[in-house]
Amino acid sequence: AVETVLTGLIGQGLLAEEPGDPARLAMTA
C-alpha cells in the first residue's frame, strides 16, 4: 500500500526518484 502511494506521488510529480539512486526520493517543487 505504501509503494502504491509512493508510485502515485512520483506519477503526480510531487516526489521524484533521485537520478542514479531510485531508492532515494526527493520532494519536487
mmCIF file of all heavy atoms, coordinates in Angstrom:
data_MODEL
# 
_entry.id   MODEL 
# 
loop_
_atom_site.group_PDB 
_atom_site.id 
_atom_site.type_symbol 
_atom_site.label_atom_id 
_atom_site.label_alt_id 
_atom_site.label_comp_id 
_atom_site.label_asym_id 
_atom_site.label_entity_id 
_atom_site.label_seq_id 
_atom_site.pdbx_PDB_ins_code 
_atom_site.Cartn_x 
_atom_site.Cartn_y 
_atom_site.Cartn_z 
_atom_site.occupancy 
_atom_site.B_iso_or_equiv 
_atom_site.pdbx_formal_charge 
_atom_site.auth_seq_id 
_atom_site.auth_comp_id 
_atom_site.auth_asym_id 
_atom_site.auth_atom_id 
_atom_site.pdbx_PDB_model_num 
ATOM 1   N N   . ALA A 1 1  ? 0.835  -1.207 0.000   1.00 0.00 ? 1  ALA A N   1 
ATOM 2   C CA  . ALA A 1 1  ? 0.000  0.000  0.000   1.00 0.00 ? 1  ALA A CA  1 
ATOM 3   C C   . ALA A 1 1  ? 0.868  1.255  0.000   1.00 0.00 ? 1  ALA A C   1 
ATOM 4   O O   . ALA A 1 1  ? 0.568  2.230  -0.701  1.00 0.00 ? 1  ALA A O   1 
ATOM 5   C CB  . ALA A 1 1  ? -0.943 -0.003 1.193   1.00 0.00 ? 1  ALA A CB  1 
ATOM 6   N N   . VAL A 1 2  ? 1.962  1.233  0.759   1.00 0.00 ? 2  VAL A N   1 
ATOM 7   C CA  . VAL A 1 2  ? 2.868  2.369  0.792   1.00 0.00 ? 2  VAL A CA  1 
ATOM 8   C C   . VAL A 1 2  ? 3.507  2.562  -0.582  1.00 0.00 ? 2  VAL A C   1 
ATOM 9   O O   . VAL A 1 2  ? 3.578  3.687  -1.091  1.00 0.00 ? 2  VAL A O   1 
ATOM 10  C CB  . VAL A 1 2  ? 3.950  2.206  1.875   1.00 0.00 ? 2  VAL A CB  1 
ATOM 11  C CG1 . VAL A 1 2  ? 4.949  3.368  1.821   1.00 0.00 ? 2  VAL A CG1 1 
ATOM 12  C CG2 . VAL A 1 2  ? 3.323  2.108  3.257   1.00 0.00 ? 2  VAL A CG2 1 
ATOM 13  N N   . GLU A 1 3  ? 3.957  1.484  -1.186  1.00 0.00 ? 3  GLU A N   1 
ATOM 14  C CA  . GLU A 1 3  ? 4.570  1.589  -2.514  1.00 0.00 ? 3  GLU A CA  1 
ATOM 15  C C   . GLU A 1 3  ? 3.581  2.163  -3.535  1.00 0.00 ? 3  GLU A C   1 
ATOM 16  O O   . GLU A 1 3  ? 3.967  2.942  -4.405  1.00 0.00 ? 3  GLU A O   1 
ATOM 17  C CB  . GLU A 1 3  ? 5.110  0.237  -2.978  1.00 0.00 ? 3  GLU A CB  1 
ATOM 18  C CG  . GLU A 1 3  ? 6.376  -0.183 -2.275  1.00 0.00 ? 3  GLU A CG  1 
ATOM 19  C CD  . GLU A 1 3  ? 7.587  0.713  -2.552  1.00 0.00 ? 3  GLU A CD  1 
ATOM 20  O OE1 . GLU A 1 3  ? 7.581  1.505  -3.524  1.00 0.00 ? 3  GLU A OE1 1 
ATOM 21  O OE2 . GLU A 1 3  ? 8.546  0.632  -1.772  1.00 0.00 ? 3  GLU A OE2 1 
ATOM 22  N N   . THR A 1 4  ? 2.312  1.798  -3.414  1.00 0.00 ? 4  THR A N   1 
ATOM 23  C CA  . THR A 1 4  ? 1.290  2.352  -4.308  1.00 0.00 ? 4  THR A CA  1 
ATOM 24  C C   . THR A 1 4  ? 1.176  3.864  -4.110  1.00 0.00 ? 4  THR A C   1 
ATOM 25  O O   . THR A 1 4  ? 1.076  4.623  -5.085  1.00 0.00 ? 4  THR A O   1 
ATOM 26  C CB  . THR A 1 4  ? -0.072 1.663  -4.057  1.00 0.00 ? 4  THR A CB  1 
ATOM 27  O OG1 . THR A 1 4  ? 0.080  0.271  -4.329  1.00 0.00 ? 4  THR A OG1 1 
ATOM 28  C CG2 . THR A 1 4  ? -1.168 2.240  -4.921  1.00 0.00 ? 4  THR A CG2 1 
ATOM 29  N N   . VAL A 1 5  ? 1.204  4.301  -2.863  1.00 0.00 ? 5  VAL A N   1 
ATOM 30  C CA  . VAL A 1 5  ? 1.161  5.736  -2.558  1.00 0.00 ? 5  VAL A CA  1 
ATOM 31  C C   . VAL A 1 5  ? 2.375  6.433  -3.166  1.00 0.00 ? 5  VAL A C   1 
ATOM 32  O O   . VAL A 1 5  ? 2.243  7.478  -3.814  1.00 0.00 ? 5  VAL A O   1 
ATOM 33  C CB  . VAL A 1 5  ? 1.104  5.972  -1.033  1.00 0.00 ? 5  VAL A CB  1 
ATOM 34  C CG1 . VAL A 1 5  ? 1.333  7.441  -0.692  1.00 0.00 ? 5  VAL A CG1 1 
ATOM 35  C CG2 . VAL A 1 5  ? -0.218 5.489  -0.466  1.00 0.00 ? 5  VAL A CG2 1 
ATOM 36  N N   . LEU A 1 6  ? 3.556  5.862  -2.958  1.00 0.00 ? 6  LEU A N   1 
ATOM 37  C CA  . LEU A 1 6  ? 4.781  6.487  -3.464  1.00 0.00 ? 6  LEU A CA  1 
ATOM 38  C C   . LEU A 1 6  ? 4.791  6.544  -4.984  1.00 0.00 ? 6  LEU A C   1 
ATOM 39  O O   . LEU A 1 6  ? 5.167  7.563  -5.575  1.00 0.00 ? 6  LEU A O   1 
ATOM 40  C CB  . LEU A 1 6  ? 6.011  5.753  -2.929  1.00 0.00 ? 6  LEU A CB  1 
ATOM 41  C CG  . LEU A 1 6  ? 6.159  5.742  -1.407  1.00 0.00 ? 6  LEU A CG  1 
ATOM 42  C CD1 . LEU A 1 6  ? 7.421  4.998  -1.000  1.00 0.00 ? 6  LEU A CD1 1 
ATOM 43  C CD2 . LEU A 1 6  ? 6.123  7.141  -0.832  1.00 0.00 ? 6  LEU A CD2 1 
ATOM 44  N N   . THR A 1 7  ? 4.360  5.462  -5.617  1.00 0.00 ? 7  THR A N   1 
ATOM 45  C CA  . THR A 1 7  ? 4.286  5.448  -7.083  1.00 0.00 ? 7  THR A CA  1 
ATOM 46  C C   . THR A 1 7  ? 3.334  6.535  -7.579  1.00 0.00 ? 7  THR A C   1 
ATOM 47  O O   . THR A 1 7  ? 3.624  7.225  -8.563  1.00 0.00 ? 7  THR A O   1 
ATOM 48  C CB  . THR A 1 7  ? 3.828  4.060  -7.580  1.00 0.00 ? 7  THR A CB  1 
ATOM 49  O OG1 . THR A 1 7  ? 4.807  3.094  -7.148  1.00 0.00 ? 7  THR A OG1 1 
ATOM 50  C CG2 . THR A 1 7  ? 3.702  4.013  -9.081  1.00 0.00 ? 7  THR A CG2 1 
ATOM 51  N N   . GLY A 1 8  ? 2.214  6.709  -6.883  1.00 0.00 ? 8  GLY A N   1 
ATOM 52  C CA  . GLY A 1 8  ? 1.266  7.757  -7.247  1.00 0.00 ? 8  GLY A CA  1 
ATOM 53  C C   . GLY A 1 8  ? 1.857  9.145  -7.095  1.00 0.00 ? 8  GLY A C   1 
ATOM 54  O O   . GLY A 1 8  ? 1.664  10.014 -7.960  1.00 0.00 ? 8  GLY A O   1 
ATOM 55  N N   . LEU A 1 9  ? 2.572  9.383  -5.993  1.00 0.00 ? 9  LEU A N   1 
ATOM 56  C CA  . LEU A 1 9  ? 3.194  10.694 -5.781  1.00 0.00 ? 9  LEU A CA  1 
ATOM 57  C C   . LEU A 1 9  ? 4.261  10.982 -6.831  1.00 0.00 ? 9  LEU A C   1 
ATOM 58  O O   . LEU A 1 9  ? 4.396  12.124 -7.286  1.00 0.00 ? 9  LEU A O   1 
ATOM 59  C CB  . LEU A 1 9  ? 3.787  10.773 -4.373  1.00 0.00 ? 9  LEU A CB  1 
ATOM 60  C CG  . LEU A 1 9  ? 2.768  10.849 -3.238  1.00 0.00 ? 9  LEU A CG  1 
ATOM 61  C CD1 . LEU A 1 9  ? 3.468  10.667 -1.889  1.00 0.00 ? 9  LEU A CD1 1 
ATOM 62  C CD2 . LEU A 1 9  ? 1.994  12.156 -3.277  1.00 0.00 ? 9  LEU A CD2 1 
ATOM 63  N N   . ILE A 1 10 ? 5.005  9.960  -7.224  1.00 0.00 ? 10 ILE A N   1 
ATOM 64  C CA  . ILE A 1 10 ? 6.008  10.124 -8.286  1.00 0.00 ? 10 ILE A CA  1 
ATOM 65  C C   . ILE A 1 10 ? 5.299  10.431 -9.604  1.00 0.00 ? 10 ILE A C   1 
ATOM 66  O O   . ILE A 1 10 ? 5.684  11.348 -10.330 1.00 0.00 ? 10 ILE A O   1 
ATOM 67  C CB  . ILE A 1 10 ? 6.907  8.876  -8.392  1.00 0.00 ? 10 ILE A CB  1 
ATOM 68  C CG1 . ILE A 1 10 ? 7.772  8.756  -7.143  1.00 0.00 ? 10 ILE A CG1 1 
ATOM 69  C CG2 . ILE A 1 10 ? 7.755  8.918  -9.661  1.00 0.00 ? 10 ILE A CG2 1 
ATOM 70  C CD1 . ILE A 1 10 ? 8.463  7.403  -6.965  1.00 0.00 ? 10 ILE A CD1 1 
ATOM 71  N N   . GLY A 1 11 ? 4.226  9.685  -9.890  1.00 0.00 ? 11 GLY A N   1 
ATOM 72  C CA  . GLY A 1 11 ? 3.465  9.898  -11.118 1.00 0.00 ? 11 GLY A CA  1 
ATOM 73  C C   . GLY A 1 11 ? 2.831  11.280 -11.194 1.00 0.00 ? 11 GLY A C   1 
ATOM 74  O O   . GLY A 1 11 ? 2.695  11.847 -12.278 1.00 0.00 ? 11 GLY A O   1 
ATOM 75  N N   . GLN A 1 12 ? 2.477  11.843 -10.047 1.00 0.00 ? 12 GLN A N   1 
ATOM 76  C CA  . GLN A 1 12 ? 1.889  13.188 -9.994  1.00 0.00 ? 12 GLN A CA  1 
ATOM 77  C C   . GLN A 1 12 ? 2.949  14.282 -10.011 1.00 0.00 ? 12 GLN A C   1 
ATOM 78  O O   . GLN A 1 12 ? 2.619  15.467 -10.026 1.00 0.00 ? 12 GLN A O   1 
ATOM 79  C CB  . GLN A 1 12 ? 1.032  13.341 -8.741  1.00 0.00 ? 12 GLN A CB  1 
ATOM 80  C CG  . GLN A 1 12 ? -0.208 12.490 -8.739  1.00 0.00 ? 12 GLN A CG  1 
ATOM 81  C CD  . GLN A 1 12 ? -0.943 12.583 -7.413  1.00 0.00 ? 12 GLN A CD  1 
ATOM 82  O OE1 . GLN A 1 12 ? -0.340 12.700 -6.344  1.00 0.00 ? 12 GLN A OE1 1 
ATOM 83  N NE2 . GLN A 1 12 ? -2.256 12.519 -7.470  1.00 0.00 ? 12 GLN A NE2 1 
ATOM 84  N N   . GLY A 1 13 ? 4.213  13.883 -9.970  1.00 0.00 ? 13 GLY A N   1 
ATOM 85  C CA  . GLY A 1 13 ? 5.288  14.866 -9.981  1.00 0.00 ? 13 GLY A CA  1 
ATOM 86  C C   . GLY A 1 13 ? 5.505  15.558 -8.645  1.00 0.00 ? 13 GLY A C   1 
ATOM 87  O O   . GLY A 1 13 ? 6.073  16.648 -8.599  1.00 0.00 ? 13 GLY A O   1 
ATOM 88  N N   . LEU A 1 14 ? 5.088  14.917 -7.549  1.00 0.00 ? 14 LEU A N   1 
ATOM 89  C CA  . LEU A 1 14 ? 5.248  15.505 -6.224  1.00 0.00 ? 14 LEU A CA  1 
ATOM 90  C C   . LEU A 1 14 ? 6.494  14.978 -5.518  1.00 0.00 ? 14 LEU A C   1 
ATOM 91  O O   . LEU A 1 14 ? 7.093  15.674 -4.697  1.00 0.00 ? 14 LEU A O   1 
ATOM 92  C CB  . LEU A 1 14 ? 4.001  15.246 -5.385  1.00 0.00 ? 14 LEU A CB  1 
ATOM 93  C CG  . LEU A 1 14 ? 2.705  15.817 -5.985  1.00 0.00 ? 14 LEU A CG  1 
ATOM 94  C CD1 . LEU A 1 14 ? 1.491  15.348 -5.210  1.00 0.00 ? 14 LEU A CD1 1 
ATOM 95  C CD2 . LEU A 1 14 ? 2.770  17.330 -6.053  1.00 0.00 ? 14 LEU A CD2 1 
ATOM 96  N N   . LEU A 1 15 ? 6.870  13.749 -5.832  1.00 0.00 ? 15 LEU A N   1 
ATOM 97  C CA  . LEU A 1 15 ? 8.136  13.151 -5.413  1.00 0.00 ? 15 LEU A CA  1 
ATOM 98  C C   . LEU A 1 15 ? 8.848  12.674 -6.667  1.00 0.00 ? 15 LEU A C   1 
ATOM 99  O O   . LEU A 1 15 ? 8.198  12.387 -7.677  1.00 0.00 ? 15 LEU A O   1 
ATOM 100 C CB  . LEU A 1 15 ? 7.922  11.954 -4.479  1.00 0.00 ? 15 LEU A CB  1 
ATOM 101 C CG  . LEU A 1 15 ? 7.404  12.194 -3.075  1.00 0.00 ? 15 LEU A CG  1 
ATOM 102 C CD1 . LEU A 1 15 ? 7.253  10.853 -2.334  1.00 0.00 ? 15 LEU A CD1 1 
ATOM 103 C CD2 . LEU A 1 15 ? 8.301  13.128 -2.290  1.00 0.00 ? 15 LEU A CD2 1 
ATOM 104 N N   . ALA A 1 16 ? 10.162 12.573 -6.579  1.00 0.00 ? 16 ALA A N   1 
ATOM 105 C CA  . ALA A 1 16 ? 10.944 12.060 -7.708  1.00 0.00 ? 16 ALA A CA  1 
ATOM 106 C C   . ALA A 1 16 ? 12.032 11.146 -7.182  1.00 0.00 ? 16 ALA A C   1 
ATOM 107 O O   . ALA A 1 16 ? 12.582 11.377 -6.102  1.00 0.00 ? 16 ALA A O   1 
ATOM 108 C CB  . ALA A 1 16 ? 11.570 13.212 -8.503  1.00 0.00 ? 16 ALA A CB  1 
ATOM 109 N N   . GLU A 1 17 ? 12.320 10.095 -7.952  1.00 0.00 ? 17 GLU A N   1 
ATOM 110 C CA  . GLU A 1 17 ? 13.468 9.254  -7.630  1.00 0.00 ? 17 GLU A CA  1 
ATOM 111 C C   . GLU A 1 17 ? 14.718 10.026 -8.007  1.00 0.00 ? 17 GLU A C   1 
ATOM 112 O O   . GLU A 1 17 ? 14.763 10.667 -9.054  1.00 0.00 ? 17 GLU A O   1 
ATOM 113 C CB  . GLU A 1 17 ? 13.395 7.942  -8.407  1.00 0.00 ? 17 GLU A CB  1 
ATOM 114 C CG  . GLU A 1 17 ? 12.235 7.069  -7.985  1.00 0.00 ? 17 GLU A CG  1 
ATOM 115 C CD  . GLU A 1 17 ? 12.103 5.805  -8.818  1.00 0.00 ? 17 GLU A CD  1 
ATOM 116 O OE1 . GLU A 1 17 ? 12.681 5.745  -9.929  1.00 0.00 ? 17 GLU A OE1 1 
ATOM 117 O OE2 . GLU A 1 17 ? 11.407 4.882  -8.363  1.00 0.00 ? 17 GLU A OE2 1 
ATOM 118 N N   . GLU A 1 18 ? 15.713 9.969  -7.132  1.00 0.00 ? 18 GLU A N   1 
ATOM 119 C CA  . GLU A 1 18 ? 16.952 10.675 -7.428  1.00 0.00 ? 18 GLU A CA  1 
ATOM 120 C C   . GLU A 1 18 ? 17.654 9.978  -8.596  1.00 0.00 ? 18 GLU A C   1 
ATOM 121 O O   . GLU A 1 18 ? 17.713 8.744  -8.631  1.00 0.00 ? 18 GLU A O   1 
ATOM 122 C CB  . GLU A 1 18 ? 17.842 10.716 -6.193  1.00 0.00 ? 18 GLU A CB  1 
ATOM 123 C CG  . GLU A 1 18 ? 17.191 11.493 -5.071  1.00 0.00 ? 18 GLU A CG  1 
ATOM 124 C CD  . GLU A 1 18 ? 18.129 12.476 -4.427  1.00 0.00 ? 18 GLU A CD  1 
ATOM 125 O OE1 . GLU A 1 18 ? 19.332 12.474 -4.715  1.00 0.00 ? 18 GLU A OE1 1 
ATOM 126 O OE2 . GLU A 1 18 ? 17.627 13.269 -3.615  1.00 0.00 ? 18 GLU A OE2 1 
ATOM 127 N N   . PRO A 1 19 ? 18.166 10.740 -9.547  1.00 0.00 ? 19 PRO A N   1 
ATOM 128 C CA  . PRO A 1 19 ? 18.852 10.136 -10.694 1.00 0.00 ? 19 PRO A CA  1 
ATOM 129 C C   . PRO A 1 19 ? 19.989 9.226  -10.234 1.00 0.00 ? 19 PRO A C   1 
ATOM 130 O O   . PRO A 1 19 ? 20.805 9.609  -9.399  1.00 0.00 ? 19 PRO A O   1 
ATOM 131 C CB  . PRO A 1 19 ? 19.397 11.345 -11.471 1.00 0.00 ? 19 PRO A CB  1 
ATOM 132 C CG  . PRO A 1 19 ? 18.524 12.489 -11.041 1.00 0.00 ? 19 PRO A CG  1 
ATOM 133 C CD  . PRO A 1 19 ? 18.129 12.197 -9.620  1.00 0.00 ? 19 PRO A CD  1 
ATOM 134 N N   . GLY A 1 20 ? 19.974 8.005  -10.735 1.00 0.00 ? 20 GLY A N   1 
ATOM 135 C CA  . GLY A 1 20 ? 21.009 7.040  -10.393 1.00 0.00 ? 20 GLY A CA  1 
ATOM 136 C C   . GLY A 1 20 ? 20.802 6.367  -9.052  1.00 0.00 ? 20 GLY A C   1 
ATOM 137 O O   . GLY A 1 20 ? 21.585 5.497  -8.682  1.00 0.00 ? 20 GLY A O   1 
ATOM 138 N N   . ASP A 1 21 ? 19.790 6.769  -8.305  1.00 0.00 ? 21 ASP A N   1 
ATOM 139 C CA  . ASP A 1 21 ? 19.540 6.179  -6.986  1.00 0.00 ? 21 ASP A CA  1 
ATOM 140 C C   . ASP A 1 21 ? 18.032 6.129  -6.721  1.00 0.00 ? 21 ASP A C   1 
ATOM 141 O O   . ASP A 1 21 ? 17.500 6.941  -5.963  1.00 0.00 ? 21 ASP A O   1 
ATOM 142 C CB  . ASP A 1 21 ? 20.246 6.984  -5.898  1.00 0.00 ? 21 ASP A CB  1 
ATOM 143 C CG  . ASP A 1 21 ? 20.206 6.294  -4.540  1.00 0.00 ? 21 ASP A CG  1 
ATOM 144 O OD1 . ASP A 1 21 ? 19.672 5.161  -4.439  1.00 0.00 ? 21 ASP A OD1 1 
ATOM 145 O OD2 . ASP A 1 21 ? 20.706 6.884  -3.568  1.00 0.00 ? 21 ASP A OD2 1 
ATOM 146 N N   . PRO A 1 22 ? 17.335 5.163  -7.355  1.00 0.00 ? 22 PRO A N   1 
ATOM 147 C CA  . PRO A 1 22 ? 15.878 5.092  -7.198  1.00 0.00 ? 22 PRO A CA  1 
ATOM 148 C C   . PRO A 1 22 ? 15.422 4.758  -5.773  1.00 0.00 ? 22 PRO A C   1 
ATOM 149 O O   . PRO A 1 22 ? 14.247 4.892  -5.452  1.00 0.00 ? 22 PRO A O   1 
ATOM 150 C CB  . PRO A 1 22 ? 15.463 4.001  -8.178  1.00 0.00 ? 22 PRO A CB  1 
ATOM 151 C CG  . PRO A 1 22 ? 16.682 3.203  -8.441  1.00 0.00 ? 22 PRO A CG  1 
ATOM 152 C CD  . PRO A 1 22 ? 17.848 4.131  -8.243  1.00 0.00 ? 22 PRO A CD  1 
ATOM 153 N N   . ALA A 1 23 ? 16.352 4.357  -4.909  1.00 0.00 ? 23 ALA A N   1 
ATOM 154 C CA  . ALA A 1 23 ? 15.994 4.077  -3.517  1.00 0.00 ? 23 ALA A CA  1 
ATOM 155 C C   . ALA A 1 23 ? 15.946 5.368  -2.693  1.00 0.00 ? 23 ALA A C   1 
ATOM 156 O O   . ALA A 1 23 ? 15.618 5.336  -1.518  1.00 0.00 ? 23 ALA A O   1 
ATOM 157 C CB  . ALA A 1 23 ? 16.982 3.100  -2.901  1.00 0.00 ? 23 ALA A CB  1 
ATOM 158 N N   . ARG A 1 24 ? 16.271 6.485  -3.316  1.00 0.00 ? 24 ARG A N   1 
ATOM 159 C CA  . ARG A 1 24 ? 16.242 7.773  -2.623  1.00 0.00 ? 24 ARG A CA  1 
ATOM 160 C C   . ARG A 1 24 ? 15.228 8.671  -3.322  1.00 0.00 ? 24 ARG A C   1 
ATOM 161 O O   . ARG A 1 24 ? 15.284 8.862  -4.523  1.00 0.00 ? 24 ARG A O   1 
ATOM 162 C CB  . ARG A 1 24 ? 17.627 8.407  -2.652  1.00 0.00 ? 24 ARG A CB  1 
ATOM 163 C CG  . ARG A 1 24 ? 17.759 9.599  -1.759  1.00 0.00 ? 24 ARG A CG  1 
ATOM 164 C CD  . ARG A 1 24 ? 19.228 9.779  -1.343  1.00 0.00 ? 24 ARG A CD  1 
ATOM 165 N NE  . ARG A 1 24 ? 19.434 10.988 -0.601  1.00 0.00 ? 24 ARG A NE  1 
ATOM 166 C CZ  . ARG A 1 24 ? 19.163 11.139 0.692   1.00 0.00 ? 24 ARG A CZ  1 
ATOM 167 N NH1 . ARG A 1 24 ? 18.666 10.142 1.370   1.00 0.00 ? 24 ARG A NH1 1 
ATOM 168 N NH2 . ARG A 1 24 ? 19.390 12.273 1.310   1.00 0.00 ? 24 ARG A NH2 1 
ATOM 169 N N   . LEU A 1 25 ? 14.288 9.202  -2.530  1.00 0.00 ? 25 LEU A N   1 
ATOM 170 C CA  . LEU A 1 25 ? 13.241 10.057 -3.073  1.00 0.00 ? 25 LEU A CA  1 
ATOM 171 C C   . LEU A 1 25 ? 13.476 11.500 -2.663  1.00 0.00 ? 25 LEU A C   1 
ATOM 172 O O   . LEU A 1 25 ? 13.983 11.773 -1.577  1.00 0.00 ? 25 LEU A O   1 
ATOM 173 C CB  . LEU A 1 25 ? 11.868 9.607  -2.562  1.00 0.00 ? 25 LEU A CB  1 
ATOM 174 C CG  . LEU A 1 25 ? 11.456 8.185  -2.920  1.00 0.00 ? 25 LEU A CG  1 
ATOM 175 C CD1 . LEU A 1 25 ? 10.153 7.819  -2.217  1.00 0.00 ? 25 LEU A CD1 1 
ATOM 176 C CD2 . LEU A 1 25 ? 11.312 8.039  -4.430  1.00 0.00 ? 25 LEU A CD2 1 
ATOM 177 N N   . ALA A 1 26 ? 13.082 12.402 -3.553  1.00 0.00 ? 26 ALA A N   1 
ATOM 178 C CA  . ALA A 1 26 ? 13.219 13.833 -3.274  1.00 0.00 ? 26 ALA A CA  1 
ATOM 179 C C   . ALA A 1 26 ? 11.889 14.525 -3.555  1.00 0.00 ? 26 ALA A C   1 
ATOM 180 O O   . ALA A 1 26 ? 11.161 14.151 -4.475  1.00 0.00 ? 26 ALA A O   1 
ATOM 181 C CB  . ALA A 1 26 ? 14.316 14.441 -4.146  1.00 0.00 ? 26 ALA A CB  1 
ATOM 182 N N   . MET A 1 27 ? 11.599 15.513 -2.766  1.00 0.00 ? 27 MET A N   1 
ATOM 183 C CA  . MET A 1 27 ? 10.415 16.330 -2.962  1.00 0.00 ? 27 MET A CA  1 
ATOM 184 C C   . MET A 1 27 ? 10.663 17.233 -4.171  1.00 0.00 ? 27 MET A C   1 
ATOM 185 O O   . MET A 1 27 ? 11.738 17.823 -4.284  1.00 0.00 ? 27 MET A O   1 
ATOM 186 C CB  . MET A 1 27 ? 10.178 17.173 -1.712  1.00 0.00 ? 27 MET A CB  1 
ATOM 187 C CG  . MET A 1 27 ? 8.861  17.849 -1.657  1.00 0.00 ? 27 MET A CG  1 
ATOM 188 S SD  . MET A 1 27 ? 7.668  16.869 -0.770  1.00 0.00 ? 27 MET A SD  1 
ATOM 189 C CE  . MET A 1 27 ? 7.892  17.504 0.862   1.00 0.00 ? 27 MET A CE  1 
ATOM 190 N N   . THR A 1 28 ? 9.706  17.300 -5.049  1.00 0.00 ? 28 THR A N   1 
ATOM 191 C CA  . THR A 1 28 ? 9.814  18.210 -6.186  1.00 0.00 ? 28 THR A CA  1 
ATOM 192 C C   . THR A 1 28 ? 9.329  19.600 -5.750  1.00 0.00 ? 28 THR A C   1 
ATOM 193 O O   . THR A 1 28 ? 8.771  19.761 -4.659  1.00 0.00 ? 28 THR A O   1 
ATOM 194 C CB  . THR A 1 28 ? 8.946  17.735 -7.358  1.00 0.00 ? 28 THR A CB  1 
ATOM 195 O OG1 . THR A 1 28 ? 7.575  17.796 -6.959  1.00 0.00 ? 28 THR A OG1 1 
ATOM 196 C CG2 . THR A 1 28 ? 9.329  16.320 -7.802  1.00 0.00 ? 28 THR A CG2 1 
ATOM 197 N N   . ALA A 1 29 ? 9.494  20.589 -6.623  1.00 0.00 ? 29 ALA A N   1 
ATOM 198 C CA  . ALA A 1 29 ? 8.991  21.931 -6.319  1.00 0.00 ? 29 ALA A CA  1 
ATOM 199 C C   . ALA A 1 29 ? 7.479  21.895 -6.109  1.00 0.00 ? 29 ALA A C   1 
ATOM 200 O O   . ALA A 1 29 ? 6.953  22.522 -5.181  1.00 0.00 ? 29 ALA A O   1 
ATOM 201 C CB  . ALA A 1 29 ? 9.366  22.900 -7.437  1.00 0.00 ? 29 ALA A CB  1 
# 
